[in-house]
């Protein structure tokens, strides 16, 4: 081998080694960037979920709000339509409207803090009285809606009666809701 060729090979090897080193640094930088982007995406998805919850939940009672109820019903009705189309299965979906008649005196006599406390306690009774796949929404000041998939009208009445019975037992400091 001629000395010139040997020097050229050494230069090529050195250049190749520098290129490999440069590629490794680039790959390392890309890995770091991918990790950073993955973390940012995770944080963004967390924020999105938080905003979704803010947009669909009542902040006082933590029940669905009107928008959350619409989304819940839209999803459930879509499921029912799919079941009918695919399997020709007709499943019930019951919706119950609950208006807390007699609630105004709580606010008038004991103040809005007591009224808010009662609404929070009532929402807890609702959540405890339904299944995990059911929906409970506060759609107005003292108005609630239950969405009960795969529940017949007679079963929905039983659910509402049980909830109503428990709601009459809600007590607040110095105040008992009369049944």
Protein backbone atom coordinates (compact mmCIF):
# COMPACT_ATOMS: atom_id res chain seq x y z
CA UNK A 1 0.00 0.00 0.00
CA UNK A 2 1.31 3.39 -0.86
CA UNK A 3 1.82 5.96 1.87
CA UNK A 4 -0.72 8.32 0.25
CA UNK A 5 -3.35 5.61 0.20
CA UNK A 6 -2.72 4.76 3.83
CA UNK A 7 -3.12 8.39 4.84
CA UNK A 8 -6.32 8.63 2.80
CA UNK A 9 -7.68 5.49 4.50
CA UNK A 10 -6.78 6.92 7.91
CA UNK A 11 -8.55 10.15 7.01
CA UNK A 12 -11.59 8.18 5.76
CA UNK A 13 -11.64 6.07 8.93
CA UNK A 14 -11.30 9.21 11.04
CA UNK A 15 -14.05 10.92 9.01
CA UNK A 16 -16.24 7.81 9.31
CA UNK A 17 -15.67 7.70 13.07
CA UNK A 18 -16.55 11.40 13.33
CA UNK A 19 -19.67 10.73 11.24
CA UNK A 20 -20.69 7.83 13.49
CA UNK A 21 -20.06 9.96 16.56
CA UNK A 22 -22.11 12.77 15.04
CA UNK A 23 -24.94 10.32 14.21
CA UNK A 24 -24.87 8.97 17.76
CA UNK A 25 -25.12 12.50 19.13
CA UNK A 26 -28.00 13.19 16.72
CA UNK A 27 -29.78 10.01 17.76
CA UNK A 28 -29.27 10.88 21.42
CA UNK A 29 -30.67 14.36 20.80
CA UNK A 30 -33.65 12.86 18.96
CA UNK A 31 -34.28 10.47 21.87
CA UNK A 32 -34.24 13.38 24.29
CA UNK A 33 -36.59 15.35 22.04
CA UNK A 34 -38.96 12.36 21.74
CA UNK A 35 -39.00 11.95 25.53
CA UNK A 36 -39.64 15.67 25.94
CA UNK A 37 -42.46 15.59 23.36
CA UNK A 38 -43.96 12.47 24.97
CA UNK A 39 -43.94 14.23 28.36
CA UNK A 40 -45.49 17.37 26.85
CA UNK A 41 -48.15 15.26 25.13
CA UNK A 42 -48.93 13.50 28.41
CA UNK A 43 -49.24 16.85 30.19
CA UNK A 44 -51.43 18.22 27.39
CA UNK A 45 -53.68 15.15 27.52
CA UNK A 46 -53.97 15.63 31.28
CA UNK A 47 -54.94 19.27 30.78
CA UNK A 48 -57.44 18.27 28.10
CA UNK A 49 -59.03 15.74 30.47
CA UNK A 50 -59.16 18.40 33.19
CA UNK A 51 -60.83 20.90 30.83
CA UNK A 52 -63.23 18.21 29.64
CA UNK A 53 -64.21 17.56 33.24
CA UNK A 54 -64.61 21.28 33.92
CA UNK A 55 -66.82 21.58 30.84
CA UNK A 56 -69.06 18.64 31.73
CA UNK A 57 -69.28 18.62 35.54
CA UNK A 58 -71.13 20.79 37.98
CA UNK A 59 -68.44 22.30 40.22
CA UNK A 60 -70.60 22.28 43.36
CA UNK A 61 -72.06 18.76 43.29
CA UNK A 62 -69.50 17.08 41.02
CA UNK A 63 -72.44 15.63 39.08
CA UNK A 64 -72.66 15.95 35.34
CA UNK A 65 -73.88 19.34 34.19
CA UNK A 66 -76.31 19.90 31.30
CA UNK A 67 -73.56 19.53 28.69
CA UNK A 68 -72.23 16.40 30.40
CA UNK A 69 -75.75 14.96 30.43
CA UNK A 70 -76.17 15.66 26.70
CA UNK A 71 -72.87 13.92 25.97
CA UNK A 72 -73.82 10.98 28.19
CA UNK A 73 -77.22 10.61 26.53
CA UNK A 74 -75.74 11.02 23.05
CA UNK A 75 -73.28 8.21 23.78
CA UNK A 76 -75.94 5.94 25.32
CA UNK A 77 -78.43 6.53 22.50
CA UNK A 78 -75.65 5.80 19.99
CA UNK A 79 -74.96 2.53 21.84
CA UNK A 80 -78.66 1.64 21.72
CA UNK A 81 -78.84 2.33 17.98
CA UNK A 82 -75.76 0.16 17.38
CA UNK A 83 -77.26 -2.68 19.43
CA UNK A 84 -80.44 -2.49 17.38
CA UNK A 85 -78.60 -2.36 14.04
CA UNK A 86 -76.03 -5.04 14.78
CA UNK A 87 -77.85 -7.43 17.07
CA UNK A 88 -81.52 -6.42 16.74
CA UNK A 89 -81.52 -6.06 20.53
CA UNK A 90 -83.76 -3.42 22.06
CA UNK A 91 -82.56 -2.26 25.47
CA UNK A 92 -84.35 0.30 27.63
CA UNK A 93 -82.96 3.67 28.62
CA UNK A 94 -84.84 5.43 31.38
CA UNK A 95 -84.50 9.11 32.16
CA UNK A 96 -85.84 10.54 35.42
CA UNK A 97 -86.29 14.24 36.18
CA UNK A 98 -86.00 15.20 39.86
CA UNK A 99 -87.04 18.63 41.07
CA UNK A 100 -86.35 19.29 44.74
CA UNK A 101 -89.71 20.80 45.64
CA UNK A 102 -89.46 22.62 48.91
CA UNK A 103 -85.79 23.45 48.44
CA UNK A 104 -86.25 27.22 48.33
CA UNK A 105 -86.97 27.48 52.08
CA UNK A 106 -83.56 25.98 52.84
CA UNK A 107 -81.89 28.89 51.04
CA UNK A 108 -84.36 31.44 52.40
CA UNK A 109 -84.25 30.33 56.02
CA UNK A 110 -80.69 29.03 56.43
CA UNK A 111 -78.80 30.78 53.65
CA UNK A 112 -77.18 29.71 50.41
CA UNK A 113 -74.29 27.95 52.16
CA UNK A 114 -76.77 25.57 53.78
CA UNK A 115 -78.54 25.19 50.44
CA UNK A 116 -75.24 24.36 48.74
CA UNK A 117 -74.43 21.85 51.45
CA UNK A 118 -77.82 20.19 50.94
CA UNK A 119 -77.26 20.01 47.16
CA UNK A 120 -73.85 18.40 47.71
CA UNK A 121 -75.36 15.85 50.09
CA UNK A 122 -78.25 15.16 47.70
CA UNK A 123 -75.80 14.58 44.84
CA UNK A 124 -73.96 12.06 47.04
CA UNK A 125 -77.26 10.26 47.66
CA UNK A 126 -77.82 10.20 43.88
CA UNK A 127 -74.37 8.75 43.18
CA UNK A 128 -74.78 6.13 45.89
CA UNK A 129 -78.21 5.19 44.54
CA UNK A 130 -77.16 4.47 40.96
CA UNK A 131 -74.82 2.09 39.18
CA UNK A 132 -71.44 3.03 37.75
CA UNK A 133 -72.77 3.08 34.18
CA UNK A 134 -75.69 5.38 35.06
CA UNK A 135 -75.52 9.16 34.86
CA UNK A 136 -76.59 11.81 37.38
CA UNK A 137 -76.71 15.44 36.33
CA UNK A 138 -77.57 18.74 37.95
CA UNK A 139 -79.25 20.73 35.22
CA UNK A 140 -80.46 23.70 37.24
CA UNK A 141 -80.45 25.11 40.74
CA UNK A 142 -82.41 22.28 42.35
CA UNK A 143 -83.13 20.17 39.27
CA UNK A 144 -81.44 16.85 38.59
CA UNK A 145 -81.71 14.19 35.90
CA UNK A 146 -80.86 10.53 36.13
CA UNK A 147 -80.00 8.61 32.98
CA UNK A 148 -80.35 4.88 33.57
CA UNK A 149 -79.20 2.69 30.66
CA UNK A 150 -80.64 -0.81 30.48
CA UNK A 151 -83.26 0.10 33.08
CA UNK A 152 -86.99 -0.36 32.59
CA UNK A 153 -89.47 2.29 33.62
CA UNK A 154 -90.60 0.24 36.63
CA UNK A 155 -86.99 -0.30 37.75
CA UNK A 156 -86.28 3.41 37.30
CA UNK A 157 -89.22 4.20 39.59
CA UNK A 158 -87.73 1.91 42.22
CA UNK A 159 -84.37 3.70 41.93
CA UNK A 160 -86.02 7.12 42.25
CA UNK A 161 -88.11 5.97 45.23
CA UNK A 162 -85.01 4.62 47.02
CA UNK A 163 -83.16 7.89 46.37
CA UNK A 164 -86.16 9.93 47.50
CA UNK A 165 -86.37 7.92 50.72
CA UNK A 166 -82.66 8.48 51.45
CA UNK A 167 -82.92 12.17 50.55
CA UNK A 168 -85.52 12.72 53.25
CA UNK A 169 -82.91 11.59 55.78
CA UNK A 170 -80.37 14.24 54.77
CA UNK A 171 -79.69 16.45 57.76
CA UNK A 172 -77.88 19.71 58.00
CA UNK A 173 -76.80 21.47 61.18
CA UNK A 174 -80.02 22.66 62.90
CA UNK A 175 -82.16 21.58 59.96
CA UNK A 176 -83.88 18.36 58.95
CA UNK A 177 -85.49 18.04 55.55
CA UNK A 178 -89.09 16.94 56.10
CA UNK A 179 -90.38 14.08 53.92
